[in-house]
Protein backbone atom coordinates (compact mmCIF):
# COMPACT_ATOMS: atom_id res chain seq x y z
CA MET A 1 95.11 -98.95 7.07
CA ASN A 2 95.19 -102.15 9.05
CA PRO A 3 92.24 -104.37 8.11
CA ASP A 4 92.74 -106.54 11.18
CA GLN A 5 90.60 -105.02 13.93
CA ARG A 6 91.11 -107.82 16.42
CA GLY A 7 92.44 -107.13 19.88
CA PRO A 8 96.12 -107.67 20.77
CA ASP A 9 95.44 -111.03 22.41
CA GLU A 10 93.66 -112.33 19.29
CA ARG A 11 96.25 -111.12 16.83
CA ALA A 12 98.25 -113.59 14.74
CA GLU A 13 101.99 -113.93 15.18
CA PRO A 14 103.87 -110.82 14.03
CA LEU A 15 105.08 -110.81 10.45
CA LEU A 16 108.40 -109.25 11.49
CA VAL A 17 110.04 -109.31 14.92
CA VAL A 18 113.16 -107.27 15.66
CA GLU A 19 114.72 -107.96 19.06
CA ASP A 20 117.67 -106.19 20.68
CA LEU A 21 119.15 -105.24 17.32
CA ARG A 22 122.57 -103.63 17.54
CA VAL A 23 124.65 -102.37 14.61
CA VAL A 24 128.19 -101.13 15.24
CA PHE A 25 130.99 -99.90 12.96
CA ASP A 26 134.68 -99.42 13.80
CA THR A 27 135.75 -96.05 12.40
CA ASP A 28 138.76 -93.74 12.58
CA ARG A 29 136.87 -91.77 15.23
CA GLY A 30 136.02 -94.80 17.34
CA ARG A 31 133.12 -97.22 17.54
CA ALA A 32 129.99 -95.90 15.86
CA ILE A 33 126.83 -97.31 17.45
CA THR A 34 124.13 -96.74 14.83
CA ILE A 35 121.49 -99.09 16.27
CA ASP A 36 121.52 -99.76 20.00
CA GLY A 37 119.20 -102.45 21.36
CA LEU A 38 116.22 -101.79 19.07
CA SER A 39 113.12 -103.98 19.44
CA PHE A 40 109.76 -103.78 17.66
CA GLU A 41 107.18 -105.84 15.77
CA VAL A 42 105.30 -105.43 12.51
CA HIS A 43 101.95 -107.18 12.14
CA GLU A 44 100.56 -108.47 8.89
CA GLY A 45 98.34 -106.00 7.01
CA GLU A 46 99.27 -102.92 9.03
CA THR A 47 101.25 -99.79 8.24
CA LEU A 48 103.98 -99.01 10.75
CA GLY A 49 105.35 -95.47 10.59
CA VAL A 50 109.01 -95.20 11.63
CA VAL A 51 109.84 -91.60 12.53
CA GLY A 52 112.94 -89.70 13.64
CA GLU A 53 115.46 -87.08 12.63
CA SER A 54 118.29 -87.80 10.21
CA GLY A 55 120.81 -90.03 11.94
CA SER A 56 118.27 -91.72 14.22
CA GLY A 57 118.89 -95.12 12.60
CA LYS A 58 115.75 -95.47 10.49
CA SER A 59 117.44 -96.30 7.19
CA MET A 60 120.06 -98.42 8.93
CA THR A 61 117.24 -100.52 10.39
CA SER A 62 115.73 -100.97 6.91
CA LEU A 63 119.07 -102.08 5.48
CA ALA A 64 119.61 -104.50 8.37
CA ILE A 65 116.24 -106.15 7.71
CA LEU A 66 117.13 -106.61 4.03
CA GLY A 67 120.68 -107.78 4.71
CA LEU A 68 122.16 -104.83 2.83
CA LEU A 69 124.50 -103.48 5.51
CA PRO A 70 128.20 -103.06 4.58
CA ALA A 71 130.50 -105.97 5.34
CA ALA A 72 132.17 -103.89 8.06
CA ALA A 73 128.95 -103.75 10.08
CA GLN A 74 128.91 -105.74 13.33
CA VAL A 75 125.33 -106.93 13.76
CA SER A 76 123.83 -108.70 16.76
CA GLY A 77 120.36 -109.42 18.08
CA SER A 78 117.55 -111.01 16.08
CA ILE A 79 115.42 -110.20 13.02
CA ARG A 80 112.74 -112.82 12.35
CA PHE A 81 110.49 -112.73 9.30
CA ARG A 82 107.62 -115.23 9.45
CA GLY A 83 109.57 -117.09 12.10
CA ARG A 84 112.78 -117.32 10.04
CA GLU A 85 115.94 -115.70 11.41
CA LEU A 86 117.28 -113.30 8.78
CA LEU A 87 120.65 -112.57 10.39
CA THR A 88 121.82 -116.17 9.95
CA MET A 89 120.61 -116.62 6.36
CA THR A 90 123.09 -117.26 3.58
CA ASP A 91 123.53 -114.76 0.74
CA ASP A 92 121.55 -117.02 -1.61
CA GLU A 93 118.68 -117.28 0.86
CA MET A 94 118.58 -113.50 1.32
CA ARG A 95 118.63 -112.93 -2.45
CA GLU A 96 115.61 -115.22 -2.78
CA LEU A 97 113.78 -113.30 -0.05
CA ARG A 98 114.86 -109.78 -1.06
CA GLY A 99 112.62 -108.20 -3.68
CA ASN A 100 110.33 -111.22 -3.60
CA GLN A 101 108.88 -111.31 -0.07
CA ILE A 102 110.49 -108.16 1.38
CA ALA A 103 110.96 -105.15 -0.89
CA LEU A 104 112.40 -101.66 -0.48
CA VAL A 105 111.33 -98.34 -1.99
CA PHE A 106 114.48 -96.21 -2.03
CA GLN A 107 114.33 -92.55 -1.02
CA ASP A 108 116.28 -91.40 -4.10
CA ALA A 109 114.22 -92.63 -7.04
CA LEU A 110 116.61 -91.22 -9.65
CA ALA A 111 119.58 -93.10 -8.19
CA ALA A 112 117.49 -96.27 -7.87
CA LEU A 113 116.74 -96.41 -11.59
CA ASN A 114 119.18 -97.33 -14.36
CA PRO A 115 119.42 -94.33 -16.75
CA VAL A 116 120.32 -96.46 -19.79
CA MET A 117 117.46 -98.96 -19.49
CA THR A 118 113.83 -98.25 -20.28
CA VAL A 119 111.42 -98.25 -17.37
CA GLY A 120 109.67 -101.30 -18.80
CA ALA A 121 112.93 -103.25 -19.08
CA GLN A 122 113.76 -102.50 -15.45
CA LEU A 123 110.32 -103.59 -14.25
CA ALA A 124 110.57 -106.74 -16.35
CA GLU A 125 114.01 -107.50 -14.91
CA ALA A 126 112.69 -107.17 -11.35
CA VAL A 127 110.10 -109.86 -12.14
CA SER A 128 112.28 -112.18 -14.23
CA VAL A 129 114.99 -112.42 -11.55
CA HIS A 130 112.54 -114.36 -9.36
CA HIS A 131 110.39 -115.81 -12.16
CA PRO A 132 112.68 -116.73 -15.09
CA GLU A 133 109.96 -118.90 -16.64
CA ILE A 134 107.83 -115.88 -17.63
CA SER A 135 107.96 -114.99 -21.36
CA ARG A 136 109.03 -111.58 -22.70
CA ALA A 137 105.49 -110.77 -23.81
CA GLU A 138 104.13 -111.58 -20.37
CA LEU A 139 106.87 -109.52 -18.75
CA ARG A 140 105.91 -106.51 -20.84
CA ARG A 141 102.25 -106.95 -19.93
CA ARG A 142 103.23 -107.14 -16.27
CA ALA A 143 105.29 -103.94 -16.60
CA VAL A 144 102.30 -102.12 -18.06
CA GLU A 145 100.06 -103.43 -15.26
CA LEU A 146 102.53 -102.19 -12.64
CA LEU A 147 102.66 -98.70 -14.15
CA GLN A 148 98.87 -98.63 -14.19
CA LEU A 149 98.77 -99.79 -10.57
CA VAL A 150 100.82 -96.78 -9.45
CA GLY A 151 98.76 -94.36 -11.49
CA ILE A 152 101.04 -93.54 -14.41
CA PRO A 153 98.90 -92.51 -17.43
CA SER A 154 99.48 -93.89 -20.93
CA ALA A 155 101.31 -96.87 -19.44
CA GLU A 156 101.52 -98.65 -22.82
CA THR A 157 103.64 -95.78 -24.14
CA ARG A 158 105.53 -94.87 -20.97
CA VAL A 159 106.79 -98.41 -20.53
CA GLY A 160 109.23 -97.82 -23.39
CA GLN A 161 110.61 -94.53 -22.05
CA TYR A 162 113.74 -93.85 -20.00
CA PRO A 163 113.89 -92.50 -16.41
CA HIS A 164 115.02 -89.02 -17.53
CA GLU A 165 111.73 -88.68 -19.41
CA PHE A 166 109.80 -88.91 -16.12
CA SER A 167 109.32 -86.22 -13.48
CA GLY A 168 110.56 -86.76 -9.92
CA GLY A 169 107.13 -87.83 -8.72
CA MET A 170 106.68 -90.18 -11.66
CA ARG A 171 110.10 -91.75 -11.02
CA GLN A 172 109.07 -92.36 -7.44
CA ARG A 173 105.95 -94.11 -8.70
CA VAL A 174 108.13 -96.29 -10.94
CA ASP A 175 110.29 -97.09 -7.92
CA ILE A 176 107.19 -98.21 -6.02
CA ALA A 177 106.05 -100.27 -9.01
CA MET A 178 109.42 -102.02 -9.12
CA ALA A 179 109.26 -102.76 -5.38
CA VAL A 180 105.83 -104.39 -5.63
CA ALA A 181 106.57 -106.21 -8.90
CA ASN A 182 106.63 -109.61 -7.18
CA ASP A 183 103.79 -108.93 -4.71
CA PRO A 184 105.99 -108.76 -1.59
CA VAL A 185 104.55 -109.50 1.82
CA LEU A 186 106.44 -106.60 3.43
CA LEU A 187 107.16 -103.29 1.71
CA ILE A 188 109.68 -100.91 3.33
CA ALA A 189 109.25 -97.38 1.99
CA ASP A 190 112.35 -95.41 3.00
CA GLU A 191 111.57 -91.67 2.85
CA PRO A 192 109.46 -92.10 -0.31
CA THR A 193 108.39 -88.43 -0.31
CA THR A 194 111.85 -86.86 0.13
CA ALA A 195 112.58 -83.88 -2.18
CA LEU A 196 109.02 -83.85 -3.53
CA ASP A 197 106.65 -80.91 -3.21
CA VAL A 198 103.65 -81.19 -0.90
CA THR A 199 101.15 -81.98 -3.66
CA VAL A 200 103.29 -84.78 -5.09
CA GLN A 201 103.97 -86.10 -1.57
CA ALA A 202 100.22 -86.56 -1.10
CA GLN A 203 99.98 -88.35 -4.45
CA ILE A 204 102.80 -90.76 -3.53
CA LEU A 205 101.14 -91.56 -0.20
CA ASP A 206 97.87 -92.21 -2.07
CA VAL A 207 99.76 -94.58 -4.38
CA LEU A 208 101.13 -96.51 -1.39
CA ARG A 209 97.62 -96.78 0.09
CA THR A 210 96.24 -97.98 -3.25
CA VAL A 211 98.97 -100.60 -3.58
CA GLN A 212 98.34 -101.82 -0.04
CA GLU A 213 94.58 -102.05 -0.56
CA ARG A 214 94.92 -103.99 -3.81
CA THR A 215 97.76 -106.32 -2.82
CA GLY A 216 97.38 -106.63 0.97
CA THR A 217 101.04 -105.73 1.45
CA THR A 218 102.27 -104.82 4.93
CA VAL A 219 104.07 -101.46 4.93
CA MET A 220 106.90 -99.94 6.97
CA LEU A 221 106.79 -96.23 6.16
CA VAL A 222 110.11 -94.60 7.13
CA THR A 223 110.12 -90.81 7.38
CA HIS A 224 111.42 -87.84 9.36
CA ASP A 225 108.04 -86.09 9.11
CA LEU A 226 105.24 -86.98 11.51
CA GLY A 227 102.84 -85.16 9.22
CA VAL A 228 103.48 -87.74 6.49
CA ILE A 229 102.28 -90.65 8.61
CA ALA A 230 99.34 -88.83 10.26
CA GLY A 231 96.83 -90.21 7.78
CA SER A 232 98.79 -93.23 6.57
CA ALA A 233 99.98 -95.28 9.55
CA ASP A 234 98.27 -97.54 12.08
CA ARG A 235 101.12 -97.44 14.59
CA VAL A 236 104.15 -95.20 15.03
CA LEU A 237 107.67 -96.12 16.13
CA VAL A 238 109.69 -93.04 17.15
CA MET A 239 113.47 -93.52 17.00
CA TYR A 240 116.29 -91.43 18.44
CA ALA A 241 120.03 -92.17 18.43
CA GLY A 242 119.54 -95.74 17.27
CA ASN A 243 116.79 -96.82 19.64
CA LYS A 244 113.08 -96.70 20.31
CA VAL A 245 111.87 -93.83 22.49
CA GLU A 246 108.13 -94.27 21.92
CA GLU A 247 105.76 -96.68 20.20
CA ALA A 248 101.99 -96.27 20.02
CA SER A 249 98.98 -96.12 17.76
CA VAL A 250 98.86 -93.07 15.51
CA GLU A 251 96.07 -91.58 17.65
CA GLN A 252 98.04 -92.07 20.88
CA THR A 253 101.14 -90.61 19.26
CA PHE A 254 99.34 -87.39 18.33
CA TYR A 255 96.94 -86.99 21.25
CA GLU A 256 98.53 -88.84 24.19
CA THR A 257 102.21 -88.12 23.49
CA ALA A 258 104.43 -89.39 26.29
CA HIS A 259 108.08 -88.80 25.37
CA PRO A 260 109.65 -85.29 25.31
CA TYR A 261 111.29 -86.03 21.94
CA THR A 262 107.99 -86.97 20.30
CA ARG A 263 106.44 -83.83 21.77
CA GLY A 264 109.24 -81.80 20.23
CA LEU A 265 108.69 -83.37 16.81
CA LEU A 266 104.97 -82.64 16.98
CA ALA A 267 105.55 -79.06 18.12
CA SER A 268 107.81 -78.56 15.09
CA LEU A 269 104.96 -79.22 12.66
CA PRO A 270 103.34 -76.19 10.98
CA ARG A 271 99.83 -75.57 12.33
CA MET A 272 96.89 -73.76 10.80
CA ASP A 273 95.73 -72.56 14.25
CA ARG A 274 98.88 -70.58 15.06
CA ARG A 275 98.04 -67.44 16.99
CA SER A 276 100.21 -65.28 14.75
CA ARG A 277 101.61 -65.67 11.27
CA ASP A 278 104.83 -64.17 12.60
CA GLU A 279 105.13 -66.88 15.25
CA ARG A 280 108.24 -68.99 14.62
CA LEU A 281 108.04 -72.76 14.41
CA PHE A 282 109.25 -74.63 17.47
CA GLN A 283 112.76 -76.06 17.20
CA ILE A 284 114.24 -78.82 19.34
CA ALA A 285 117.39 -77.40 20.91
CA GLY A 286 120.79 -78.77 19.88
CA GLN A 287 121.67 -81.52 17.42
CA PRO A 288 121.33 -85.32 17.46
CA PRO A 289 124.46 -86.96 18.91
CA ALA A 290 127.12 -88.49 16.69
CA ALA A 291 127.11 -92.29 16.64
CA THR A 292 130.71 -92.21 17.87
CA ALA A 293 129.94 -89.92 20.83
CA LEU A 294 126.65 -90.98 22.38
CA PRO A 295 125.97 -89.30 25.74
CA SER A 296 125.85 -91.37 28.91
CA GLY A 297 122.42 -92.03 30.33
CA CYS A 298 119.43 -90.86 28.32
CA ARG A 299 120.47 -90.26 24.70
CA PHE A 300 118.03 -87.37 24.40
CA GLY A 301 119.12 -85.84 27.72
CA PRO A 302 121.36 -83.03 26.38
CA ARG A 303 118.47 -81.70 24.27
CA CYS A 304 115.58 -82.44 26.64
CA PRO A 305 113.74 -79.55 28.38
CA SER A 306 112.71 -81.98 31.13
CA PHE A 307 116.24 -83.28 31.76
CA ARG A 308 117.28 -83.88 35.38
CA GLU A 309 120.78 -84.96 36.43
CA ASP A 310 119.44 -87.85 38.47
CA PRO A 311 118.37 -90.33 37.11
CA CYS A 312 118.44 -89.09 33.48
CA ALA A 313 122.24 -89.03 33.25
CA GLY A 314 122.69 -92.28 35.14
CA SER A 315 121.37 -94.91 32.73
CA VAL A 316 119.61 -95.40 29.42
CA PRO A 317 115.84 -95.56 30.11
CA LEU A 318 114.02 -98.74 29.12
CA PRO A 319 110.63 -98.69 27.37
CA GLU A 320 107.73 -98.96 29.80
CA LEU A 321 103.99 -99.28 29.34
CA VAL A 322 102.10 -95.99 29.61
CA GLY A 323 98.80 -97.17 28.10
CA ALA A 324 97.25 -99.95 26.07
CA GLU A 325 99.91 -100.90 23.50
CA HIS A 326 101.68 -97.59 24.19
CA VAL A 327 105.28 -97.61 25.43
CA ALA A 328 107.86 -94.88 25.99
CA ALA A 329 111.45 -94.82 27.25
CA CYS A 330 111.90 -91.90 29.66
CA HIS A 331 113.01 -91.78 33.31
CA ARG A 332 110.54 -88.99 34.04
CA LEU A 333 107.34 -90.39 32.52
CA ALA A 334 105.41 -90.21 35.80
CA ASP A 335 106.49 -86.61 36.44
CA LEU A 336 105.62 -85.57 32.90
CA ARG A 337 102.15 -87.12 33.16
CA GLU A 338 101.52 -85.16 36.36
CA GLU A 339 102.74 -81.94 34.75
CA SER A 340 100.42 -82.49 31.77
CA ALA A 341 97.39 -83.31 33.92
């Protein structure tokens, strides 16, 4: 969790600032708007949970930060890391930054690892790319240290094994070890618990917490599951159709929820206090819009139980302050607060 307990006015400059980010692709079906005016900040030492359904733009945002978007992407806005503009960096400058100061944990650990290289060789390569002066013996020692850091037993032996000799959870740990190999300042974990059972999910989240405590790394935890970030994040950014619909502390997100979409996500979580075991889980009506066919007005409007023709369909709502460091983008925030009172 965030070690910096200072108030917002005393806080240092944000580590990462994303302003009015827009990512567009020209496709056979028309212009696909995958990110549409997204703005947020990440402060040093904190864990920011980025939440939303598939297609909300979470992974696209991660790739934009790392400069890994396809060449066909049309990107505008600003992404500043420690005051440096990333969108105008050269390829060489981004390669120096990527994996060294900003690292990514991929959601598919099996695809992220080379099946014909030992785990130790891959960890060593991740270090040597940025530190070619390190000897082979030192690289091996570093690989063993990294496996120990992420809780893999018998690291001295496992370092010489191949990815297929590891379970899914162990491969994910190796993926995390590779991401933190060069002690990055910012670690982006993109759906690190996908396709893992609940017990292993908890273990992976514990690994991320351990890594953060020992290295001081700032974490962006990207997930579709609010339950995953409940005990892991300091703040939560909720995304829908390529933009921010709510941003707040984790406590405000769960107990002072403002946006109808966030309320729907929370209502969809299994609860131990359900009145009946036969009671069905809540489901948000409809489907997220296609990037090539975004609705006019509020993007969530067609699925929103609180939708009203005017003004919801007239314009895209802008984020507004609803509490201390708590913002939400909804035309009917005042009405919803009165209804909840």
